[in-house]
Amino acid sequence: MSTATIPNAKPPRKQLSDQLDRLDSILDGLGDGLNGAVADASREGTRLAVRDAIVEMMTDPTLRTKLHQATTPETPAETVNANEKPGFWKRMKTKAEKAVGSVGRMASNAMTAVKDKIRALRQKAAETAHSIRDLGKLKTTVLVVGLTVAAVSFLAPHVASAALAGISSAVAVVAVRLGVWLGRTRRALFIA
């Protein structure tokens, strides 16, 4: 194994193309990770919305009260003679009509609750898609700014180039931390 000697102990200057390739791979990795995170968050949000709709239908006290009212026997509209009892089939028909009516009301209430949850989920998905489109614009902006900083750094003296690299590194760290924080916040909002 041979080692190259570096004159005056100066480290070799990094190439602009290497830095651009590295920046592009970092941005691609962030984009892929974001797409996966959004897909997972959407899947989890849908699952939670459906579960919440079912739980709400089963535990809502007003819905339980309405169910109880729907299943209590109603006074018949027809006046029945005290001496005359309705026949077996008439009683079964009346009970079946009541059951169908109560099931219909329950289904209507359930469908309304599910529609509301789906509407809210659709709105969250649209907001997420809009945010992703904005991130695409952000990626282009970051690439243009990065190329500009790289060109200025390449043309500037070594001291100015090092200072610019330090500043851009600090900005990159803050941007990544902000992105991580925004991702956690978005996941927390989808779960809530």
N, C-alpha and C. Protein backbone atom coordinates (compact mmCIF):
# COMPACT_ATOMS: atom_id res chain seq x y z
N MET A 1 0.85 -1.16 0.00
CA MET A 1 0.00 0.00 0.00
C MET A 1 0.90 1.23 0.00
N SER A 2 0.67 2.12 -0.92
CA SER A 2 1.51 3.32 -1.00
C SER A 2 0.70 4.53 -0.55
N THR A 3 1.39 5.44 0.06
CA THR A 3 0.72 6.66 0.51
C THR A 3 1.31 7.83 -0.26
N ALA A 4 0.43 8.72 -0.62
CA ALA A 4 0.89 9.90 -1.36
C ALA A 4 1.31 10.97 -0.35
N THR A 5 2.44 11.58 -0.59
CA THR A 5 2.89 12.65 0.29
C THR A 5 2.25 13.96 -0.17
N ILE A 6 1.85 14.71 0.81
CA ILE A 6 1.20 15.97 0.52
C ILE A 6 2.19 17.07 0.86
N PRO A 7 2.53 17.93 -0.12
CA PRO A 7 3.50 18.99 0.15
C PRO A 7 2.90 20.03 1.11
N ASN A 8 3.72 20.48 2.05
CA ASN A 8 3.35 21.52 3.01
C ASN A 8 2.15 21.13 3.88
N ALA A 9 1.84 19.87 3.97
CA ALA A 9 0.77 19.34 4.81
C ALA A 9 -0.59 19.99 4.53
N LYS A 10 -0.84 20.42 3.31
CA LYS A 10 -2.14 20.96 2.93
C LYS A 10 -3.01 19.81 2.42
N PRO A 11 -4.21 19.72 2.93
CA PRO A 11 -5.09 18.67 2.40
C PRO A 11 -5.51 19.04 0.97
N PRO A 12 -5.72 18.03 0.14
CA PRO A 12 -6.13 18.35 -1.24
C PRO A 12 -7.51 19.01 -1.24
N ARG A 13 -7.69 19.92 -2.12
CA ARG A 13 -8.95 20.66 -2.23
C ARG A 13 -9.99 19.77 -2.90
N LYS A 14 -11.18 19.75 -2.35
CA LYS A 14 -12.23 18.90 -2.89
C LYS A 14 -12.71 19.46 -4.22
N GLN A 15 -13.08 18.54 -5.10
CA GLN A 15 -13.55 18.93 -6.43
C GLN A 15 -15.02 19.34 -6.36
N LEU A 16 -15.37 20.31 -7.19
CA LEU A 16 -16.75 20.79 -7.24
C LEU A 16 -17.69 19.69 -7.70
N SER A 17 -17.25 18.89 -8.66
CA SER A 17 -18.10 17.82 -9.17
C SER A 17 -18.38 16.79 -8.08
N ASP A 18 -17.40 16.49 -7.24
CA ASP A 18 -17.62 15.53 -6.15
C ASP A 18 -18.65 16.09 -5.16
N GLN A 19 -18.53 17.36 -4.86
CA GLN A 19 -19.47 17.98 -3.92
C GLN A 19 -20.89 18.02 -4.50
N LEU A 20 -21.00 18.32 -5.82
CA LEU A 20 -22.32 18.35 -6.45
C LEU A 20 -22.94 16.96 -6.48
N ASP A 21 -22.13 15.95 -6.76
CA ASP A 21 -22.64 14.58 -6.75
C ASP A 21 -23.12 14.20 -5.36
N ARG A 22 -22.35 14.59 -4.36
CA ARG A 22 -22.73 14.29 -2.98
C ARG A 22 -24.02 15.01 -2.60
N LEU A 23 -24.14 16.29 -2.98
CA LEU A 23 -25.35 17.06 -2.69
C LEU A 23 -26.55 16.44 -3.39
N ASP A 24 -26.37 16.03 -4.64
CA ASP A 24 -27.47 15.43 -5.38
C ASP A 24 -27.90 14.11 -4.73
N SER A 25 -26.95 13.31 -4.30
CA SER A 25 -27.31 12.04 -3.65
C SER A 25 -28.01 12.28 -2.31
N ILE A 26 -27.59 13.31 -1.58
CA ILE A 26 -28.25 13.64 -0.31
C ILE A 26 -29.69 14.08 -0.57
N LEU A 27 -29.88 14.96 -1.56
CA LEU A 27 -31.23 15.43 -1.88
C LEU A 27 -32.11 14.29 -2.37
N ASP A 28 -31.56 13.37 -3.17
CA ASP A 28 -32.33 12.22 -3.62
C ASP A 28 -32.72 11.33 -2.45
N GLY A 29 -31.79 11.12 -1.54
CA GLY A 29 -32.09 10.31 -0.36
C GLY A 29 -33.17 10.94 0.49
N LEU A 30 -33.10 12.26 0.66
CA LEU A 30 -34.14 12.94 1.43
C LEU A 30 -35.49 12.85 0.72
N GLY A 31 -35.48 12.98 -0.61
CA GLY A 31 -36.73 12.89 -1.37
C GLY A 31 -37.34 11.51 -1.27
N ASP A 32 -36.51 10.46 -1.38
CA ASP A 32 -37.02 9.08 -1.26
C ASP A 32 -37.56 8.83 0.13
N GLY A 33 -36.83 9.29 1.13
CA GLY A 33 -37.29 9.11 2.50
C GLY A 33 -38.60 9.84 2.75
N LEU A 34 -38.73 11.02 2.18
CA LEU A 34 -39.96 11.79 2.36
C LEU A 34 -41.14 11.09 1.72
N ASN A 35 -40.95 10.54 0.51
CA ASN A 35 -42.04 9.84 -0.16
C ASN A 35 -42.49 8.64 0.67
N GLY A 36 -41.55 7.90 1.20
CA GLY A 36 -41.90 6.75 2.04
C GLY A 36 -42.61 7.19 3.31
N ALA A 37 -42.12 8.26 3.91
CA ALA A 37 -42.74 8.75 5.15
C ALA A 37 -44.17 9.23 4.90
N VAL A 38 -44.39 9.90 3.77
CA VAL A 38 -45.74 10.39 3.45
C VAL A 38 -46.66 9.20 3.18
N ALA A 39 -46.17 8.19 2.45
CA ALA A 39 -46.99 7.01 2.19
C ALA A 39 -47.35 6.30 3.49
N ASP A 40 -46.38 6.14 4.37
CA ASP A 40 -46.64 5.49 5.66
C ASP A 40 -47.63 6.32 6.48
N ALA A 41 -47.43 7.63 6.50
CA ALA A 41 -48.32 8.49 7.28
C ALA A 41 -49.74 8.46 6.72
N SER A 42 -49.88 8.43 5.39
CA SER A 42 -51.21 8.36 4.78
C SER A 42 -51.89 7.04 5.12
N ARG A 43 -51.14 5.95 5.03
CA ARG A 43 -51.67 4.63 5.34
C ARG A 43 -52.12 4.58 6.80
N GLU A 44 -51.26 5.06 7.68
CA GLU A 44 -51.57 5.04 9.11
C GLU A 44 -52.75 5.97 9.41
N GLY A 45 -52.79 7.13 8.76
CA GLY A 45 -53.90 8.07 8.97
C GLY A 45 -55.23 7.47 8.53
N THR A 46 -55.23 6.75 7.41
CA THR A 46 -56.45 6.11 6.94
C THR A 46 -56.91 5.04 7.93
N ARG A 47 -55.96 4.23 8.39
CA ARG A 47 -56.29 3.17 9.34
C ARG A 47 -56.88 3.77 10.62
N LEU A 48 -56.25 4.83 11.12
CA LEU A 48 -56.73 5.45 12.36
C LEU A 48 -58.10 6.12 12.16
N ALA A 49 -58.31 6.73 10.99
CA ALA A 49 -59.60 7.39 10.74
C ALA A 49 -60.73 6.37 10.71
N VAL A 50 -60.50 5.23 10.05
CA VAL A 50 -61.54 4.19 10.00
C VAL A 50 -61.79 3.63 11.39
N ARG A 51 -60.69 3.36 12.13
CA ARG A 51 -60.85 2.83 13.48
C ARG A 51 -61.61 3.82 14.36
N ASP A 52 -61.27 5.11 14.27
CA ASP A 52 -61.96 6.12 15.08
C ASP A 52 -63.44 6.21 14.71
N ALA A 53 -63.74 6.08 13.42
CA ALA A 53 -65.15 6.13 13.00
C ALA A 53 -65.92 4.97 13.59
N ILE A 54 -65.34 3.77 13.58
CA ILE A 54 -66.02 2.60 14.13
C ILE A 54 -66.19 2.74 15.64
N VAL A 55 -65.12 3.15 16.31
CA VAL A 55 -65.19 3.32 17.77
C VAL A 55 -66.23 4.37 18.13
N GLU A 56 -66.26 5.46 17.39
CA GLU A 56 -67.22 6.52 17.67
C GLU A 56 -68.65 6.04 17.47
N MET A 57 -68.85 5.22 16.42
CA MET A 57 -70.20 4.70 16.20
C MET A 57 -70.64 3.78 17.33
N MET A 58 -69.70 3.03 17.87
CA MET A 58 -70.05 2.07 18.93
C MET A 58 -70.16 2.72 20.32
N THR A 59 -69.44 3.82 20.56
CA THR A 59 -69.40 4.38 21.91
C THR A 59 -70.13 5.71 22.06
N ASP A 60 -70.66 6.26 21.00
CA ASP A 60 -71.33 7.55 21.08
C ASP A 60 -72.65 7.42 21.86
N PRO A 61 -72.81 8.17 22.97
CA PRO A 61 -74.02 8.02 23.79
C PRO A 61 -75.29 8.45 23.05
N THR A 62 -75.23 9.46 22.23
CA THR A 62 -76.44 9.88 21.50
C THR A 62 -76.85 8.81 20.50
N LEU A 63 -75.89 8.18 19.86
CA LEU A 63 -76.21 7.10 18.93
C LEU A 63 -76.82 5.91 19.67
N ARG A 64 -76.26 5.60 20.86
CA ARG A 64 -76.83 4.50 21.66
C ARG A 64 -78.26 4.83 22.08
N THR A 65 -78.50 6.09 22.44
CA THR A 65 -79.85 6.50 22.84
C THR A 65 -80.81 6.36 21.67
N LYS A 66 -80.39 6.77 20.51
CA LYS A 66 -81.25 6.66 19.32
C LYS A 66 -81.50 5.19 18.98
N LEU A 67 -80.49 4.35 19.14
CA LEU A 67 -80.68 2.92 18.90
C LEU A 67 -81.70 2.34 19.88
N HIS A 68 -81.59 2.74 21.14
CA HIS A 68 -82.52 2.25 22.15
C HIS A 68 -83.94 2.70 21.82
N GLN A 69 -84.08 3.96 21.42
CA GLN A 69 -85.40 4.47 21.06
C GLN A 69 -85.96 3.75 19.84
N ALA A 70 -85.08 3.41 18.91
CA ALA A 70 -85.53 2.74 17.70
C ALA A 70 -85.98 1.31 17.97
N THR A 71 -85.42 0.69 18.99
CA THR A 71 -85.77 -0.71 19.27
C THR A 71 -86.88 -0.86 20.30
N THR A 72 -87.31 0.22 20.95
CA THR A 72 -88.42 0.11 21.90
C THR A 72 -89.72 -0.05 21.12
N PRO A 73 -90.63 -0.82 21.66
CA PRO A 73 -91.89 -1.04 20.94
C PRO A 73 -92.69 0.27 20.86
N GLU A 74 -93.21 0.52 19.68
CA GLU A 74 -94.02 1.71 19.47
C GLU A 74 -95.49 1.31 19.62
N THR A 75 -96.32 2.28 19.93
CA THR A 75 -97.75 1.99 19.99
C THR A 75 -98.25 1.85 18.57
N PRO A 76 -99.00 0.81 18.30
CA PRO A 76 -99.46 0.63 16.92
C PRO A 76 -100.42 1.73 16.51
N ALA A 77 -100.35 2.09 15.24
CA ALA A 77 -101.19 3.15 14.72
C ALA A 77 -102.64 2.70 14.66
N GLU A 78 -102.85 1.44 14.42
CA GLU A 78 -104.21 0.94 14.34
C GLU A 78 -104.71 0.61 15.75
N THR A 79 -105.95 0.83 15.99
CA THR A 79 -106.53 0.46 17.27
C THR A 79 -106.97 -0.98 17.16
N VAL A 80 -106.48 -1.78 18.10
CA VAL A 80 -106.81 -3.19 18.07
C VAL A 80 -107.86 -3.46 19.14
N ASN A 81 -108.82 -4.22 18.77
CA ASN A 81 -109.86 -4.59 19.74
C ASN A 81 -109.24 -5.35 20.89
N ALA A 82 -109.75 -5.14 22.08
CA ALA A 82 -109.24 -5.84 23.25
C ALA A 82 -109.49 -7.34 23.13
N ASN A 83 -110.55 -7.71 22.47
CA ASN A 83 -110.88 -9.12 22.32
C ASN A 83 -110.09 -9.77 21.19
N GLU A 84 -109.64 -8.97 20.23
CA GLU A 84 -109.03 -9.52 19.02
C GLU A 84 -107.52 -9.31 19.08
N LYS A 85 -106.73 -10.39 18.97
CA LYS A 85 -105.27 -10.32 18.92
C LYS A 85 -104.85 -10.39 17.47
N PRO A 86 -103.77 -9.61 17.11
CA PRO A 86 -103.29 -9.74 15.74
C PRO A 86 -102.69 -11.13 15.55
N GLY A 87 -102.76 -11.61 14.33
CA GLY A 87 -102.23 -12.94 14.03
C GLY A 87 -100.70 -12.97 14.10
N PHE A 88 -100.19 -14.20 14.07
CA PHE A 88 -98.75 -14.41 14.17
C PHE A 88 -98.00 -13.67 13.05
N TRP A 89 -98.47 -13.81 11.81
CA TRP A 89 -97.78 -13.19 10.68
C TRP A 89 -97.83 -11.67 10.76
N LYS A 90 -98.91 -11.12 11.24
CA LYS A 90 -99.02 -9.67 11.37
C LYS A 90 -98.04 -9.16 12.44
N ARG A 91 -97.93 -9.89 13.54
CA ARG A 91 -96.97 -9.50 14.58
C ARG A 91 -95.53 -9.59 14.05
N MET A 92 -95.22 -10.65 13.31
CA MET A 92 -93.88 -10.81 12.73
C MET A 92 -93.58 -9.70 11.72
N LYS A 93 -94.59 -9.37 10.92
CA LYS A 93 -94.42 -8.29 9.93
C LYS A 93 -94.14 -6.97 10.64
N THR A 94 -94.85 -6.67 11.71
CA THR A 94 -94.65 -5.43 12.45
C THR A 94 -93.25 -5.39 13.06
N LYS A 95 -92.82 -6.50 13.65
CA LYS A 95 -91.48 -6.55 14.24
C LYS A 95 -90.40 -6.43 13.16
N ALA A 96 -90.61 -7.06 12.02
CA ALA A 96 -89.63 -6.97 10.93
C ALA A 96 -89.54 -5.54 10.41
N GLU A 97 -90.69 -4.87 10.28
CA GLU A 97 -90.67 -3.48 9.82
C GLU A 97 -89.91 -2.59 10.80
N LYS A 98 -90.10 -2.81 12.08
CA LYS A 98 -89.40 -2.03 13.09
C LYS A 98 -87.88 -2.30 13.01
N ALA A 99 -87.53 -3.56 12.87
CA ALA A 99 -86.10 -3.92 12.79
C ALA A 99 -85.46 -3.31 11.55
N VAL A 100 -86.15 -3.40 10.41
CA VAL A 100 -85.60 -2.82 9.18
C VAL A 100 -85.45 -1.31 9.33
N GLY A 101 -86.43 -0.66 9.95
CA GLY A 101 -86.35 0.78 10.16
C GLY A 101 -85.17 1.16 11.04
N SER A 102 -84.98 0.40 12.13
CA SER A 102 -83.88 0.73 13.04
C SER A 102 -82.53 0.46 12.37
N VAL A 103 -82.42 -0.63 11.62
CA VAL A 103 -81.17 -0.92 10.90
C VAL A 103 -80.91 0.16 9.86
N GLY A 104 -81.94 0.60 9.19
CA GLY A 104 -81.78 1.67 8.20
C GLY A 104 -81.28 2.96 8.83
N ARG A 105 -81.83 3.31 9.98
CA ARG A 105 -81.37 4.51 10.68
C ARG A 105 -79.92 4.36 11.15
N MET A 106 -79.61 3.17 11.68
CA MET A 106 -78.23 2.93 12.12
C MET A 106 -77.26 3.03 10.93
N ALA A 107 -77.61 2.43 9.81
CA ALA A 107 -76.75 2.46 8.63
C ALA A 107 -76.59 3.89 8.12
N SER A 108 -77.69 4.66 8.16
CA SER A 108 -77.62 6.05 7.72
C SER A 108 -76.68 6.85 8.62
N ASN A 109 -76.80 6.66 9.92
CA ASN A 109 -75.92 7.38 10.85
C ASN A 109 -74.46 6.94 10.66
N ALA A 110 -74.26 5.65 10.47
CA ALA A 110 -72.89 5.14 10.27
C ALA A 110 -72.30 5.70 8.98
N MET A 111 -73.07 5.73 7.92
CA MET A 111 -72.57 6.25 6.65
C MET A 111 -72.23 7.74 6.76
N THR A 112 -73.04 8.47 7.49
CA THR A 112 -72.76 9.89 7.67
C THR A 112 -71.44 10.09 8.42
N ALA A 113 -71.23 9.29 9.47
CA ALA A 113 -69.98 9.40 10.24
C ALA A 113 -68.78 9.01 9.38
N VAL A 114 -68.91 7.94 8.59
CA VAL A 114 -67.80 7.51 7.73
C VAL A 114 -67.53 8.55 6.66
N LYS A 115 -68.57 9.12 6.08
CA LYS A 115 -68.37 10.16 5.06
C LYS A 115 -67.63 11.36 5.64
N ASP A 116 -67.98 11.75 6.87
CA ASP A 116 -67.29 12.87 7.51
C ASP A 116 -65.82 12.56 7.72
N LYS A 117 -65.53 11.34 8.19
CA LYS A 117 -64.13 10.95 8.40
C LYS A 117 -63.37 10.89 7.08
N ILE A 118 -63.98 10.38 6.03
CA ILE A 118 -63.32 10.30 4.73
C ILE A 118 -63.08 11.70 4.18
N ARG A 119 -64.04 12.58 4.36
CA ARG A 119 -63.88 13.97 3.89
C ARG A 119 -62.70 14.63 4.60
N ALA A 120 -62.57 14.41 5.91
CA ALA A 120 -61.45 14.98 6.66
C ALA A 120 -60.13 14.36 6.20
N LEU A 121 -60.13 13.06 5.96
CA LEU A 121 -58.93 12.38 5.49
C LEU A 121 -58.53 12.88 4.10
N ARG A 122 -59.51 13.08 3.23
CA ARG A 122 -59.22 13.59 1.89
C ARG A 122 -58.60 14.98 1.97
N GLN A 123 -59.10 15.81 2.87
CA GLN A 123 -58.55 17.14 3.04
C GLN A 123 -57.10 17.08 3.52
N LYS A 124 -56.81 16.18 4.48
CA LYS A 124 -55.44 16.03 4.97
C LYS A 124 -54.52 15.52 3.86
N ALA A 125 -55.01 14.60 3.03
CA ALA A 125 -54.20 14.09 1.92
C ALA A 125 -53.91 15.19 0.91
N ALA A 126 -54.89 16.04 0.63
CA ALA A 126 -54.67 17.15 -0.30
C ALA A 126 -53.64 18.13 0.26
N GLU A 127 -53.70 18.40 1.55
CA GLU A 127 -52.72 19.28 2.17
C GLU A 127 -51.32 18.67 2.10
N THR A 128 -51.24 17.38 2.31
CA THR A 128 -49.94 16.69 2.24
C THR A 128 -49.38 16.73 0.82
N ALA A 129 -50.24 16.49 -0.17
CA ALA A 129 -49.79 16.55 -1.56
C ALA A 129 -49.30 17.95 -1.92
N HIS A 130 -50.00 18.96 -1.42
CA HIS A 130 -49.57 20.34 -1.68
C HIS A 130 -48.20 20.61 -1.04
N SER A 131 -48.00 20.08 0.17
CA SER A 131 -46.71 20.24 0.84
C SER A 131 -45.60 19.56 0.07
N ILE A 132 -45.89 18.38 -0.49
CA ILE A 132 -44.89 17.66 -1.28
C ILE A 132 -44.53 18.44 -2.53
N ARG A 133 -45.54 19.03 -3.19
CA ARG A 133 -45.26 19.85 -4.37
C ARG A 133 -44.37 21.04 -3.99
N ASP A 134 -44.64 21.63 -2.84
CA ASP A 134 -43.81 22.75 -2.38
C ASP A 134 -42.38 22.29 -2.11
N LEU A 135 -42.22 21.07 -1.59
CA LEU A 135 -40.88 20.55 -1.35
C LEU A 135 -40.12 20.35 -2.66
N GLY A 136 -40.81 20.01 -3.74
CA GLY A 136 -40.15 19.90 -5.04
C GLY A 136 -39.59 21.25 -5.48
N LYS A 137 -40.35 22.30 -5.25
CA LYS A 137 -39.86 23.65 -5.56
C LYS A 137 -38.68 23.99 -4.66
N LEU A 138 -38.77 23.58 -3.41
CA LEU A 138 -37.70 23.83 -2.46
C LEU A 138 -36.42 23.12 -2.89
N LYS A 139 -36.54 21.90 -3.40
CA LYS A 139 -35.38 21.14 -3.84
C LYS A 139 -34.67 21.88 -4.98
N THR A 140 -35.44 22.41 -5.92
CA THR A 140 -34.85 23.16 -7.02
C THR A 140 -34.16 24.41 -6.51
N THR A 141 -34.79 25.10 -5.58
CA THR A 141 -34.20 26.31 -5.01
C THR A 141 -32.90 25.99 -4.29
N VAL A 142 -32.91 24.91 -3.50
CA VAL A 142 -31.70 24.51 -2.78
C VAL A 142 -30.59 24.15 -3.75
N LEU A 143 -30.93 23.48 -4.84
CA LEU A 143 -29.92 23.12 -5.83
C LEU A 143 -29.31 24.35 -6.48
N VAL A 144 -30.13 25.34 -6.85
CA VAL A 144 -29.62 26.56 -7.47
C VAL A 144 -28.74 27.34 -6.49
N VAL A 145 -29.21 27.47 -5.24
CA VAL A 145 -28.42 28.18 -4.24
C VAL A 145 -27.11 27.44 -3.98
N GLY A 146 -27.18 26.12 -3.91
CA GLY A 146 -25.98 25.32 -3.68
C GLY A 146 -24.98 25.47 -4.81
N LEU A 147 -25.45 25.45 -6.04
CA LEU A 147 -24.55 25.64 -7.18
C LEU A 147 -23.92 27.03 -7.17
N THR A 148 -24.70 28.03 -6.80
CA THR A 148 -24.17 29.39 -6.73
C THR A 148 -23.10 29.49 -5.65
N VAL A 149 -23.37 28.94 -4.48
CA VAL A 149 -22.39 28.96 -3.39
C VAL A 149 -21.14 28.19 -3.81
N ALA A 150 -21.32 27.06 -4.50
CA ALA A 150 -20.17 26.27 -4.93
C ALA A 150 -19.32 27.04 -5.94
N ALA A 151 -19.96 27.73 -6.87
CA ALA A 151 -19.21 28.50 -7.86
C ALA A 151 -18.46 29.65 -7.20
N VAL A 152 -19.13 30.36 -6.28
CA VAL A 152 -18.46 31.45 -5.58
C VAL A 152 -17.30 30.91 -4.75
N SER A 153 -17.52 29.79 -4.09
CA SER A 153 -16.48 29.19 -3.28
C SER A 153 -15.29 28.75 -4.12
N PHE A 154 -15.56 28.25 -5.30
CA PHE A 154 -14.49 27.80 -6.19
C PHE A 154 -13.65 28.98 -6.68
N LEU A 155 -14.30 30.10 -6.94
CA LEU A 155 -13.60 31.26 -7.48
C LEU A 155 -12.97 32.14 -6.40
N ALA A 156 -13.41 32.03 -5.17
CA ALA A 156 -12.92 32.89 -4.09
C ALA A 156 -11.59 32.36 -3.56
N PRO A 157 -10.85 33.21 -2.85
CA PRO A 157 -9.61 32.74 -2.21
C PRO A 157 -9.92 31.67 -1.15
N HIS A 158 -8.87 30.98 -0.73
CA HIS A 158 -9.04 29.84 0.16
C HIS A 158 -9.71 30.22 1.49
N VAL A 159 -9.34 31.35 2.08
CA VAL A 159 -9.90 31.77 3.37
C VAL A 159 -11.40 32.06 3.21
N ALA A 160 -11.75 32.80 2.16
CA ALA A 160 -13.17 33.11 1.93
C ALA A 160 -13.94 31.83 1.62
N SER A 161 -13.32 30.93 0.89
CA SER A 161 -13.95 29.66 0.54
C SER A 161 -14.22 28.83 1.80
N ALA A 162 -13.28 28.80 2.72
CA ALA A 162 -13.45 28.05 3.96
C ALA A 162 -14.57 28.67 4.82
N ALA A 163 -14.61 30.00 4.88
CA ALA A 163 -15.66 30.67 5.65
C ALA A 163 -17.03 30.39 5.04
N LEU A 164 -17.11 30.44 3.72
CA LEU A 164 -18.36 30.16 3.03
C LEU A 164 -18.80 28.71 3.26
N ALA A 165 -17.84 27.80 3.26
CA ALA A 165 -18.15 26.39 3.51
C ALA A 165 -18.68 26.21 4.93
N GLY A 166 -18.10 26.89 5.88
CA GLY A 166 -18.58 26.79 7.26
C GLY A 166 -19.99 27.32 7.41
N ILE A 167 -20.25 28.47 6.79
CA ILE A 167 -21.59 29.05 6.86
C ILE A 167 -22.60 28.14 6.19
N SER A 168 -22.26 27.62 5.01
CA SER A 168 -23.21 26.76 4.30
C SER A 168 -23.43 25.45 5.06
N SER A 169 -22.41 24.96 5.74
CA SER A 169 -22.59 23.75 6.56
C SER A 169 -23.55 24.01 7.71
N ALA A 170 -23.39 25.16 8.35
CA ALA A 170 -24.30 25.50 9.44
C ALA A 170 -25.74 25.63 8.95
N VAL A 171 -25.91 26.26 7.79
CA VAL A 171 -27.25 26.40 7.22
C VAL A 171 -27.82 25.03 6.87
N ALA A 172 -26.97 24.13 6.33
CA ALA A 172 -27.44 22.79 5.99
C ALA A 172 -27.86 22.02 7.23
N VAL A 173 -27.11 22.14 8.31
CA VAL A 173 -27.46 21.45 9.55
C VAL A 173 -28.79 21.97 10.08
N VAL A 174 -28.97 23.27 10.06
CA VAL A 174 -30.23 23.85 10.53
C VAL A 174 -31.39 23.39 9.64
N ALA A 175 -31.16 23.34 8.32
CA ALA A 175 -32.21 22.91 7.40
C ALA A 175 -32.59 21.45 7.64
N VAL A 176 -31.60 20.61 7.85
CA VAL A 176 -31.89 19.19 8.11
C VAL A 176 -32.63 19.03 9.43
N ARG A 177 -32.19 19.73 10.47
CA ARG A 177 -32.88 19.66 11.77
C ARG A 177 -34.33 20.15 11.64
N LEU A 178 -34.51 21.24 10.88
CA LEU A 178 -35.85 21.76 10.66
C LEU A 178 -36.70 20.74 9.91
N GLY A 179 -36.12 20.09 8.90
CA GLY A 179 -36.84 19.06 8.16
C GLY A 179 -37.24 17.90 9.04
N VAL A 180 -36.35 17.47 9.92
CA VAL A 180 -36.66 16.37 10.84
C VAL A 180 -37.78 16.80 11.79
N TRP A 181 -37.69 18.01 12.30
CA TRP A 181 -38.72 18.50 13.21
C TRP A 181 -40.08 18.59 12.50
N LEU A 182 -40.08 19.10 11.25
CA LEU A 182 -41.33 19.20 10.51
C LEU A 182 -41.91 17.83 10.23
N GLY A 183 -41.05 16.85 9.92
CA GLY A 183 -41.53 15.49 9.69
C GLY A 183 -42.17 14.90 10.93
N ARG A 184 -41.54 15.10 12.09
CA ARG A 184 -42.11 14.59 13.34
C ARG A 184 -43.44 15.27 13.65
N THR A 185 -43.48 16.58 13.40
CA THR A 185 -44.70 17.32 13.65
C THR A 185 -45.83 16.82 12.75
N ARG A 186 -45.51 16.60 11.47
CA ARG A 186 -46.54 16.12 10.53
C ARG A 186 -47.03 14.74 10.96
N ARG A 187 -46.11 13.85 11.37
CA ARG A 187 -46.53 12.52 11.82
C ARG A 187 -47.40 12.62 13.07
N ALA A 188 -47.05 13.53 13.98
CA ALA A 188 -47.84 13.70 15.20
C ALA A 188 -49.23 14.21 14.86
N LEU A 189 -49.34 15.09 13.88
CA LEU A 189 -50.64 15.62 13.49
C LEU A 189 -51.48 14.56 12.80
N PHE A 190 -50.85 13.69 12.03
CA PHE A 190 -51.61 12.62 11.37
C PHE A 190 -52.11 11.60 12.38
N ILE A 191 -51.34 11.35 13.42
CA ILE A 191 -51.75 10.38 14.42
C ILE A 191 -52.84 10.95 15.30
N ALA A 192 -52.74 12.25 15.61
CA ALA A 192 -53.72 12.89 16.50
C ALA A 192 -55.08 12.99 15.85
